[in-house]
Amino acid sequence: AFFERKSRHFAAVDDQYGENLRRKEALLEEMAAADILAGGFEMIRDFQRRWGEIGFVPIKQKEAIQKRYKEVVDKMFDTLRGSERDRSMDRFKEKVSSLKASGDRRLRTERDRLYNKVRQLEQDIALLENNIGFFSKSKNAEAMIAEVRAKIERAKQEMQAAIEKVKLIDQEENKE
């Protein structure tokens, strides 16, 4: 009697896990088809909440389904970040137009501010890259090196954005 109940119990658990797997696969399809630009970060949070509510899946498929989920979410975040950069650049173009209309000196001041930011970021990147060489080969050093590399990457992206803005200002000045 005990073993029969045990067998029925685990059969029910396996059925539930199988149903959870089907629900997670359906959610992945919905996520892949979603218009993330319209929903934004709130849509991603909703998908993440729904994913967590579904429950466990069969152990054999756990890694594969989790990997697919991570890939879809990463793609969604990348799409939003890219569109955020585009919106930021559009806002800056509007700012440049208003600065140009208000007078040449303000546009030049903005360009100088951005140029100084680029130079400061170049110095920061050089310093961070130099600091990596001082970390010893230990367990803690690997984590610190990874953190410094992430800071370097963020600084490079910020520097690239500032360079693009300087070029935009130069183009506006040369239109005159």
C-alpha atoms as a PDB file:
ATOM      1  CA  ALA A   1       0.000   0.000   0.000  1.00  0.00           C
ATOM      2  CA  PHE A   2       2.787   2.413   0.909  1.00  0.00           C
ATOM      3  CA  PHE A   3       4.701   1.836  -2.294  1.00  0.00           C
ATOM      4  CA  GLU A   4       1.549   2.206  -4.379  1.00  0.00           C
ATOM      5  CA  ARG A   5       0.790   5.572  -2.758  1.00  0.00           C
ATOM      6  CA  LYS A   6       4.418   6.592  -3.202  1.00  0.00           C
ATOM      7  CA  SER A   7       4.300   5.589  -6.863  1.00  0.00           C
ATOM      8  CA  ARG A   8       1.022   7.496  -7.440  1.00  0.00           C
ATOM      9  CA  HIS A   9       2.382  10.544  -5.623  1.00  0.00           C
ATOM     10  CA  PHE A  10       5.540  10.742  -7.730  1.00  0.00           C
ATOM     11  CA  ALA A  11       3.570  10.046 -10.914  1.00  0.00           C
ATOM     12  CA  ALA A  12       1.402  13.068 -10.050  1.00  0.00           C
ATOM     13  CA  VAL A  13       4.525  15.138  -9.355  1.00  0.00           C
ATOM     14  CA  ASP A  14       6.017  14.075 -12.697  1.00  0.00           C
ATOM     15  CA  ASP A  15       2.771  15.012 -14.457  1.00  0.00           C
ATOM     16  CA  GLN A  16       2.837  18.429 -12.771  1.00  0.00           C
ATOM     17  CA  TYR A  17       6.467  18.965 -13.785  1.00  0.00           C
ATOM     18  CA  GLY A  18       5.592  18.023 -17.368  1.00  0.00           C
ATOM     19  CA  GLU A  19       2.712  20.508 -17.363  1.00  0.00           C
ATOM     20  CA  ASN A  20       5.039  23.186 -15.945  1.00  0.00           C
ATOM     21  CA  LEU A  21       7.501  22.458 -18.752  1.00  0.00           C
ATOM     22  CA  ARG A  22       4.763  22.922 -21.368  1.00  0.00           C
ATOM     23  CA  ARG A  23       3.658  26.175 -19.710  1.00  0.00           C
ATOM     24  CA  LYS A  24       7.238  27.494 -19.631  1.00  0.00           C
ATOM     25  CA  GLU A  25       7.748  26.592 -23.292  1.00  0.00           C
ATOM     26  CA  ALA A  26       4.517  28.421 -24.171  1.00  0.00           C
ATOM     27  CA  LEU A  27       5.686  31.442 -22.168  1.00  0.00           C
ATOM     28  CA  LEU A  28       9.017  31.391 -24.030  1.00  0.00           C
ATOM     29  CA  GLU A  29       7.126  31.465 -27.341  1.00  0.00           C
ATOM     30  CA  GLU A  30       5.033  34.379 -26.087  1.00  0.00           C
ATOM     31  CA  MET A  31       8.167  36.215 -24.935  1.00  0.00           C
ATOM     32  CA  ALA A  32       9.919  35.707 -28.266  1.00  0.00           C
ATOM     33  CA  ALA A  33       6.892  37.052 -30.166  1.00  0.00           C
ATOM     34  CA  ALA A  34       6.298  40.029 -27.832  1.00  0.00           C
ATOM     35  CA  ASP A  35       6.836  43.620 -28.977  1.00  0.00           C
ATOM     36  CA  ILE A  36       9.306  44.527 -26.262  1.00  0.00           C
ATOM     37  CA  LEU A  37       9.711  48.126 -27.430  1.00  0.00           C
ATOM     38  CA  ALA A  38       6.025  48.759 -26.743  1.00  0.00           C
ATOM     39  CA  GLY A  39       6.024  47.057 -23.327  1.00  0.00           C
ATOM     40  CA  GLY A  40       9.431  48.082 -22.039  1.00  0.00           C
ATOM     41  CA  PHE A  41      11.052  46.923 -18.823  1.00  0.00           C
ATOM     42  CA  GLU A  42       7.644  46.490 -17.179  1.00  0.00           C
ATOM     43  CA  MET A  43       6.802  43.781 -19.724  1.00  0.00           C
ATOM     44  CA  ILE A  44      10.051  41.962 -18.933  1.00  0.00           C
ATOM     45  CA  ARG A  45       9.305  42.113 -15.200  1.00  0.00           C
ATOM     46  CA  ASP A  46       5.842  40.664 -15.873  1.00  0.00           C
ATOM     47  CA  PHE A  47       7.346  37.802 -17.903  1.00  0.00           C
ATOM     48  CA  GLN A  48       9.882  37.147 -15.137  1.00  0.00           C
ATOM     49  CA  ARG A  49       7.135  37.086 -12.498  1.00  0.00           C
ATOM     50  CA  ARG A  50       5.024  34.676 -14.561  1.00  0.00           C
ATOM     51  CA  TRP A  51       8.074  32.459 -15.171  1.00  0.00           C
ATOM     52  CA  GLY A  52       8.750  32.200 -11.453  1.00  0.00           C
ATOM     53  CA  GLU A  53       5.117  31.396 -10.649  1.00  0.00           C
ATOM     54  CA  ILE A  54       5.004  28.393 -12.983  1.00  0.00           C
ATOM     55  CA  GLY A  55       7.093  26.096 -10.800  1.00  0.00           C
ATOM     56  CA  PHE A  56       9.505  23.226 -11.281  1.00  0.00           C
ATOM     57  CA  VAL A  57      10.172  21.304 -14.496  1.00  0.00           C
ATOM     58  CA  PRO A  58      11.594  17.798 -14.982  1.00  0.00           C
ATOM     59  CA  ILE A  59      15.212  17.730 -13.839  1.00  0.00           C
ATOM     60  CA  LYS A  60      16.420  16.464 -17.212  1.00  0.00           C
ATOM     61  CA  GLN A  61      15.056  19.542 -19.029  1.00  0.00           C
ATOM     62  CA  LYS A  62      15.791  22.076 -16.291  1.00  0.00           C
ATOM     63  CA  GLU A  63      19.113  23.341 -17.658  1.00  0.00           C
ATOM     64  CA  ALA A  64      17.964  23.484 -21.273  1.00  0.00           C
ATOM     65  CA  ILE A  65      14.764  25.416 -20.529  1.00  0.00           C
ATOM     66  CA  GLN A  66      16.601  27.770 -18.155  1.00  0.00           C
ATOM     67  CA  LYS A  67      19.246  28.436 -20.810  1.00  0.00           C
ATOM     68  CA  ARG A  68      16.579  29.249 -23.424  1.00  0.00           C
ATOM     69  CA  TYR A  69      14.834  31.550 -20.938  1.00  0.00           C
ATOM     70  CA  LYS A  70      18.067  33.402 -20.181  1.00  0.00           C
ATOM     71  CA  GLU A  71      18.791  33.832 -23.900  1.00  0.00           C
ATOM     72  CA  VAL A  72      15.318  35.262 -24.570  1.00  0.00           C
ATOM     73  CA  VAL A  73      15.487  37.650 -21.597  1.00  0.00           C
ATOM     74  CA  ASP A  74      19.010  38.786 -22.542  1.00  0.00           C
ATOM     75  CA  LYS A  75      17.839  39.456 -26.094  1.00  0.00           C
ATOM     76  CA  MET A  76      14.907  41.494 -24.753  1.00  0.00           C
ATOM     77  CA  PHE A  77      17.184  43.580 -22.539  1.00  0.00           C
ATOM     78  CA  ASP A  78      19.641  44.116 -25.406  1.00  0.00           C
ATOM     79  CA  THR A  79      16.792  45.304 -27.625  1.00  0.00           C
ATOM     80  CA  LEU A  80      15.614  47.764 -24.984  1.00  0.00           C
ATOM     81  CA  ARG A  81      19.114  49.030 -24.252  1.00  0.00           C
ATOM     82  CA  GLY A  82      19.746  49.585 -27.949  1.00  0.00           C
ATOM     83  CA  SER A  83      16.506  51.482 -28.344  1.00  0.00           C
ATOM     84  CA  GLU A  84      17.339  53.470 -25.198  1.00  0.00           C
ATOM     85  CA  ARG A  85      20.634  54.544 -26.799  1.00  0.00           C
ATOM     86  CA  ASP A  86      18.726  55.589 -29.914  1.00  0.00           C
ATOM     87  CA  ARG A  87      16.240  57.611 -27.857  1.00  0.00           C
ATOM     88  CA  SER A  88      19.099  59.195 -25.933  1.00  0.00           C
ATOM     89  CA  MET A  89      20.770  60.224 -29.179  1.00  0.00           C
ATOM     90  CA  ASP A  90      17.479  61.626 -30.508  1.00  0.00           C
ATOM     91  CA  ARG A  91      17.051  63.688 -27.335  1.00  0.00           C
ATOM     92  CA  PHE A  92      20.597  64.950 -27.720  1.00  0.00           C
ATOM     93  CA  LYS A  93      19.936  65.961 -31.356  1.00  0.00           C
ATOM     94  CA  GLU A  94      16.981  68.021 -30.141  1.00  0.00           C
ATOM     95  CA  LYS A  95      19.185  69.587 -27.470  1.00  0.00           C
ATOM     96  CA  VAL A  96      21.832  70.467 -30.069  1.00  0.00           C
ATOM     97  CA  SER A  97      19.193  72.097 -32.265  1.00  0.00           C
ATOM     98  CA  SER A  98      17.950  74.227 -29.381  1.00  0.00           C
ATOM     99  CA  LEU A  99      21.509  75.129 -28.344  1.00  0.00           C
ATOM    100  CA  LYS A 100      22.315  76.120 -31.902  1.00  0.00           C
ATOM    101  CA  ALA A 101      19.216  78.305 -32.059  1.00  0.00           C
ATOM    102  CA  SER A 102      20.077  79.996 -28.763  1.00  0.00           C
ATOM    103  CA  GLY A 103      23.589  80.945 -29.785  1.00  0.00           C
ATOM    104  CA  ASP A 104      26.930  79.593 -30.930  1.00  0.00           C
ATOM    105  CA  ARG A 105      28.682  79.945 -27.584  1.00  0.00           C
ATOM    106  CA  ARG A 106      26.370  77.485 -25.797  1.00  0.00           C
ATOM    107  CA  LEU A 107      26.918  74.853 -28.482  1.00  0.00           C
ATOM    108  CA  ARG A 108      30.686  75.317 -28.201  1.00  0.00           C
ATOM    109  CA  THR A 109      30.466  75.028 -24.401  1.00  0.00           C
ATOM    110  CA  GLU A 110      28.547  71.746 -24.720  1.00  0.00           C
ATOM    111  CA  ARG A 111      31.129  70.432 -27.190  1.00  0.00           C
ATOM    112  CA  ASP A 112      33.985  71.362 -24.856  1.00  0.00           C
ATOM    113  CA  ARG A 113      32.218  69.666 -21.938  1.00  0.00           C
ATOM    114  CA  LEU A 114      31.783  66.465 -23.961  1.00  0.00           C
ATOM    115  CA  TYR A 115      35.352  66.592 -25.254  1.00  0.00           C
ATOM    116  CA  ASN A 116      36.662  66.932 -21.691  1.00  0.00           C
ATOM    117  CA  LYS A 117      34.472  63.994 -20.689  1.00  0.00           C
ATOM    118  CA  VAL A 118      36.019  61.893 -23.487  1.00  0.00           C
ATOM    119  CA  ARG A 119      39.534  62.799 -22.339  1.00  0.00           C
ATOM    120  CA  GLN A 120      38.657  61.990 -18.702  1.00  0.00           C
ATOM    121  CA  LEU A 121      37.165  58.634 -19.718  1.00  0.00           C
ATOM    122  CA  GLU A 122      40.289  57.828 -21.751  1.00  0.00           C
ATOM    123  CA  GLN A 123      42.401  58.504 -18.661  1.00  0.00           C
ATOM    124  CA  ASP A 124      40.073  56.432 -16.474  1.00  0.00           C
ATOM    125  CA  ILE A 125      40.220  53.509 -18.911  1.00  0.00           C
ATOM    126  CA  ALA A 126      44.018  53.659 -19.063  1.00  0.00           C
ATOM    127  CA  LEU A 127      44.203  53.726 -15.260  1.00  0.00           C
ATOM    128  CA  LEU A 128      41.797  50.789 -14.894  1.00  0.00           C
ATOM    129  CA  GLU A 129      43.670  48.740 -17.502  1.00  0.00           C
ATOM    130  CA  ASN A 130      46.924  49.513 -15.715  1.00  0.00           C
ATOM    131  CA  ASN A 131      45.423  48.478 -12.365  1.00  0.00           C
ATOM    132  CA  ILE A 132      44.497  45.038 -13.704  1.00  0.00           C
ATOM    133  CA  GLY A 133      48.208  44.233 -13.872  1.00  0.00           C
ATOM    134  CA  PHE A 134      48.583  44.739 -10.124  1.00  0.00           C
ATOM    135  CA  PHE A 135      46.116  42.046  -9.104  1.00  0.00           C
ATOM    136  CA  SER A 136      47.745  38.814  -8.011  1.00  0.00           C
ATOM    137  CA  LYS A 137      46.608  35.419  -9.194  1.00  0.00           C
ATOM    138  CA  SER A 138      44.156  34.469  -6.460  1.00  0.00           C
ATOM    139  CA  LYS A 139      40.489  33.590  -6.175  1.00  0.00           C
ATOM    140  CA  ASN A 140      39.544  37.092  -5.074  1.00  0.00           C
ATOM    141  CA  ALA A 141      41.645  38.678  -7.790  1.00  0.00           C
ATOM    142  CA  GLU A 142      39.629  36.989 -10.539  1.00  0.00           C
ATOM    143  CA  ALA A 143      36.420  38.547  -9.234  1.00  0.00           C
ATOM    144  CA  MET A 144      38.062  41.954  -8.934  1.00  0.00           C
ATOM    145  CA  ILE A 145      39.531  41.695 -12.432  1.00  0.00           C
ATOM    146  CA  ALA A 146      36.098  40.803 -13.834  1.00  0.00           C
ATOM    147  CA  GLU A 147      34.592  43.810 -12.057  1.00  0.00           C
ATOM    148  CA  VAL A 148      37.300  46.134 -13.394  1.00  0.00           C
ATOM    149  CA  ARG A 149      36.830  44.767 -16.914  1.00  0.00           C
ATOM    150  CA  ALA A 150      33.094  45.496 -16.640  1.00  0.00           C
ATOM    151  CA  LYS A 151      33.899  49.066 -15.539  1.00  0.00           C
ATOM    152  CA  ILE A 152      36.250  49.428 -18.501  1.00  0.00           C
ATOM    153  CA  GLU A 153      33.551  48.215 -20.897  1.00  0.00           C
ATOM    154  CA  ARG A 154      30.986  50.652 -19.465  1.00  0.00           C
ATOM    155  CA  ALA A 155      33.494  53.499 -19.702  1.00  0.00           C
ATOM    156  CA  LYS A 156      34.261  52.597 -23.328  1.00  0.00           C
ATOM    157  CA  GLN A 157      30.561  52.622 -24.190  1.00  0.00           C
ATOM    158  CA  GLU A 158      30.085  55.959 -22.437  1.00  0.00           C
ATOM    159  CA  MET A 159      33.138  57.352 -24.229  1.00  0.00           C
ATOM    160  CA  GLN A 160      31.830  56.151 -27.603  1.00  0.00           C
ATOM    161  CA  ALA A 161      28.492  57.861 -26.950  1.00  0.00           C
ATOM    162  CA  ALA A 162      30.272  61.102 -26.028  1.00  0.00           C
ATOM    163  CA  ILE A 163      32.412  60.905 -29.186  1.00  0.00           C
ATOM    164  CA  GLU A 164      29.269  60.470 -31.293  1.00  0.00           C
ATOM    165  CA  LYS A 165      27.752  63.518 -29.615  1.00  0.00           C
ATOM    166  CA  VAL A 166      30.884  65.587 -30.304  1.00  0.00           C
ATOM    167  CA  LYS A 167      30.725  64.533 -33.965  1.00  0.00           C
ATOM    168  CA  LEU A 168      27.066  65.523 -34.080  1.00  0.00           C
ATOM    169  CA  ILE A 169      27.879  68.974 -32.713  1.00  0.00           C
ATOM    170  CA  ASP A 170      30.719  69.323 -35.239  1.00  0.00           C
ATOM    171  CA  GLN A 171      28.319  68.441 -38.058  1.00  0.00           C
ATOM    172  CA  GLU A 172      25.834  71.052 -36.853  1.00  0.00           C
ATOM    173  CA  GLU A 173      28.566  73.692 -36.636  1.00  0.00           C
ATOM    174  CA  ASN A 174      29.798  72.876 -40.145  1.00  0.00           C
ATOM    175  CA  LYS A 175      26.295  73.289 -41.611  1.00  0.00           C
ATOM    176  CA  GLU A 176      26.547  77.032 -41.130  1.00  0.00           C
END
